[in-house]
């Protein structure tokens, strides 16, 4: 299984979403975090299982229960998570990100 590398801005997106949901109801932000971690593990186990994102080379994993999508690339030595993107905000804003 390849390691997952999460872009620093994707990590910041996740942290902000966790804080938002946690402020709404105790434990809800942690539930989001768990669902994202489940998604990362699923991607690591079988990176080609999720649909391509247009003609970009990226694939997308829809986070269970929450309106977030993980956009990722399978690289030769890792899985690169480029974004933890809200499903209805600024489509494609993350596409200029580079592997750090």
C-alpha atoms as a PDB file:
ATOM      1  CA  UNK A   1       0.000   0.000   0.000  1.00  0.00           C
ATOM      2  CA  UNK A   2       1.363   3.394  -1.005  1.00  0.00           C
ATOM      3  CA  UNK A   3       1.612   6.142   1.615  1.00  0.00           C
ATOM      4  CA  UNK A   4      -0.767   9.086   1.336  1.00  0.00           C
ATOM      5  CA  UNK A   5       0.649  12.607   1.170  1.00  0.00           C
ATOM      6  CA  UNK A   6      -1.825  15.371   1.898  1.00  0.00           C
ATOM      7  CA  UNK A   7      -1.151  18.813   0.446  1.00  0.00           C
ATOM      8  CA  UNK A   8      -0.751  21.422   3.199  1.00  0.00           C
ATOM      9  CA  UNK A   9      -3.707  23.421   1.870  1.00  0.00           C
ATOM     10  CA  UNK A  10      -5.846  20.272   1.756  1.00  0.00           C
ATOM     11  CA  UNK A  11      -4.894  19.633   5.389  1.00  0.00           C
ATOM     12  CA  UNK A  12      -5.903  23.218   6.230  1.00  0.00           C
ATOM     13  CA  UNK A  13      -9.230  22.701   4.425  1.00  0.00           C
ATOM     14  CA  UNK A  14      -9.887  19.583   6.459  1.00  0.00           C
ATOM     15  CA  UNK A  15      -8.929  21.272   9.729  1.00  0.00           C
ATOM     16  CA  UNK A  16     -11.285  24.182   8.987  1.00  0.00           C
ATOM     17  CA  UNK A  17     -14.136  21.817   8.145  1.00  0.00           C
ATOM     18  CA  UNK A  18     -13.535  19.799  11.307  1.00  0.00           C
ATOM     19  CA  UNK A  19     -13.657  22.997  13.388  1.00  0.00           C
ATOM     20  CA  UNK A  20     -16.826  24.135  11.634  1.00  0.00           C
ATOM     21  CA  UNK A  21     -18.684  20.878  12.216  1.00  0.00           C
ATOM     22  CA  UNK A  22     -17.393  20.540  15.763  1.00  0.00           C
ATOM     23  CA  UNK A  23     -18.798  24.020  16.536  1.00  0.00           C
ATOM     24  CA  UNK A  24     -22.197  22.838  15.309  1.00  0.00           C
ATOM     25  CA  UNK A  25     -22.357  19.680  17.405  1.00  0.00           C
ATOM     26  CA  UNK A  26     -19.832  18.009  19.696  1.00  0.00           C
ATOM     27  CA  UNK A  27     -18.282  15.030  17.929  1.00  0.00           C
ATOM     28  CA  UNK A  28     -19.492  15.950  14.439  1.00  0.00           C
ATOM     29  CA  UNK A  29     -16.114  17.353  13.380  1.00  0.00           C
ATOM     30  CA  UNK A  30     -14.407  14.229  14.638  1.00  0.00           C
ATOM     31  CA  UNK A  31     -16.896  12.184  12.634  1.00  0.00           C
ATOM     32  CA  UNK A  32     -15.875  14.092   9.494  1.00  0.00           C
ATOM     33  CA  UNK A  33     -12.226  13.450  10.294  1.00  0.00           C
ATOM     34  CA  UNK A  34     -12.912   9.722  10.688  1.00  0.00           C
ATOM     35  CA  UNK A  35     -14.812   9.584   7.374  1.00  0.00           C
ATOM     36  CA  UNK A  36     -11.952  11.344   5.565  1.00  0.00           C
ATOM     37  CA  UNK A  37      -9.417   8.978   7.143  1.00  0.00           C
ATOM     38  CA  UNK A  38     -11.582   6.031   6.031  1.00  0.00           C
ATOM     39  CA  UNK A  39     -11.577   7.498   2.525  1.00  0.00           C
ATOM     40  CA  UNK A  40      -7.807   7.905   2.460  1.00  0.00           C
ATOM     41  CA  UNK A  41      -7.359   4.277   3.520  1.00  0.00           C
ATOM     42  CA  UNK A  42      -9.832   3.115   0.863  1.00  0.00           C
ATOM     43  CA  UNK A  43      -7.964   5.100  -1.782  1.00  0.00           C
ATOM     44  CA  UNK A  44      -4.660   3.622  -0.624  1.00  0.00           C
ATOM     45  CA  UNK A  45      -6.041   0.081  -0.886  1.00  0.00           C
ATOM     46  CA  UNK A  46      -7.493   0.560  -4.360  1.00  0.00           C
ATOM     47  CA  UNK A  47      -6.640   3.912  -5.989  1.00  0.00           C
ATOM     48  CA  UNK A  48      -8.209   3.092  -9.352  1.00  0.00           C
ATOM     49  CA  UNK A  49     -11.619   2.314  -7.855  1.00  0.00           C
ATOM     50  CA  UNK A  50     -12.925   5.880  -7.970  1.00  0.00           C
ATOM     51  CA  UNK A  51     -13.902   7.879 -11.023  1.00  0.00           C
ATOM     52  CA  UNK A  52     -11.585  10.187 -12.929  1.00  0.00           C
ATOM     53  CA  UNK A  53     -12.153  13.912 -12.583  1.00  0.00           C
ATOM     54  CA  UNK A  54     -12.711  15.142 -16.129  1.00  0.00           C
ATOM     55  CA  UNK A  55      -9.532  14.885 -18.230  1.00  0.00           C
ATOM     56  CA  UNK A  56      -7.197  16.025 -15.434  1.00  0.00           C
ATOM     57  CA  UNK A  57      -5.582  12.779 -14.330  1.00  0.00           C
ATOM     58  CA  UNK A  58      -7.061  13.283 -10.873  1.00  0.00           C
ATOM     59  CA  UNK A  59      -9.588  10.943  -9.346  1.00  0.00           C
ATOM     60  CA  UNK A  60     -12.292  11.824  -6.847  1.00  0.00           C
ATOM     61  CA  UNK A  61     -13.537  10.120  -3.727  1.00  0.00           C
ATOM     62  CA  UNK A  62     -16.835  11.305  -2.249  1.00  0.00           C
ATOM     63  CA  UNK A  63     -16.665  11.433   1.540  1.00  0.00           C
ATOM     64  CA  UNK A  64     -19.482   9.454   3.129  1.00  0.00           C
ATOM     65  CA  UNK A  65     -22.130  11.523   4.960  1.00  0.00           C
ATOM     66  CA  UNK A  66     -20.447  14.909   4.332  1.00  0.00           C
ATOM     67  CA  UNK A  67     -20.411  17.146   1.223  1.00  0.00           C
ATOM     68  CA  UNK A  68     -16.668  16.809   0.639  1.00  0.00           C
ATOM     69  CA  UNK A  69     -14.606  15.256  -2.120  1.00  0.00           C
ATOM     70  CA  UNK A  70     -11.009  14.076  -1.951  1.00  0.00           C
ATOM     71  CA  UNK A  71      -9.187  14.836  -5.196  1.00  0.00           C
ATOM     72  CA  UNK A  72      -6.079  12.723  -5.604  1.00  0.00           C
ATOM     73  CA  UNK A  73      -3.408  11.472  -7.965  1.00  0.00           C
ATOM     74  CA  UNK A  74      -1.771   8.086  -7.835  1.00  0.00           C
ATOM     75  CA  UNK A  75       1.954   8.718  -8.149  1.00  0.00           C
ATOM     76  CA  UNK A  76       4.620   6.035  -8.626  1.00  0.00           C
ATOM     77  CA  UNK A  77       5.525   6.042  -4.928  1.00  0.00           C
ATOM     78  CA  UNK A  78       2.529   7.620  -3.148  1.00  0.00           C
ATOM     79  CA  UNK A  79      -1.064   8.776  -3.284  1.00  0.00           C
ATOM     80  CA  UNK A  80      -1.169  12.577  -3.374  1.00  0.00           C
ATOM     81  CA  UNK A  81      -4.313  14.157  -1.905  1.00  0.00           C
ATOM     82  CA  UNK A  82      -4.520  17.577  -3.550  1.00  0.00           C
ATOM     83  CA  UNK A  83      -7.768  18.812  -1.969  1.00  0.00           C
ATOM     84  CA  UNK A  84     -10.464  18.167   0.581  1.00  0.00           C
ATOM     85  CA  UNK A  85     -13.023  20.218  -1.318  1.00  0.00           C
ATOM     86  CA  UNK A  86     -16.563  21.161  -0.349  1.00  0.00           C
ATOM     87  CA  UNK A  87     -18.930  19.908  -3.034  1.00  0.00           C
ATOM     88  CA  UNK A  88     -20.617  23.241  -3.755  1.00  0.00           C
ATOM     89  CA  UNK A  89     -17.862  25.811  -3.336  1.00  0.00           C
ATOM     90  CA  UNK A  90     -15.470  27.132  -5.969  1.00  0.00           C
ATOM     91  CA  UNK A  91     -15.154  24.148  -8.306  1.00  0.00           C
ATOM     92  CA  UNK A  92     -11.625  23.482  -9.519  1.00  0.00           C
ATOM     93  CA  UNK A  93      -9.920  26.058  -7.264  1.00  0.00           C
ATOM     94  CA  UNK A  94      -7.341  23.455  -6.213  1.00  0.00           C
ATOM     95  CA  UNK A  95      -6.221  22.371  -9.684  1.00  0.00           C
ATOM     96  CA  UNK A  96      -3.112  24.568  -9.725  1.00  0.00           C
ATOM     97  CA  UNK A  97      -1.617  22.923  -6.658  1.00  0.00           C
ATOM     98  CA  UNK A  98       1.726  21.220  -6.978  1.00  0.00           C
ATOM     99  CA  UNK A  99       3.166  18.276  -5.094  1.00  0.00           C
ATOM    100  CA  UNK A 100       5.137  19.624  -2.119  1.00  0.00           C
END
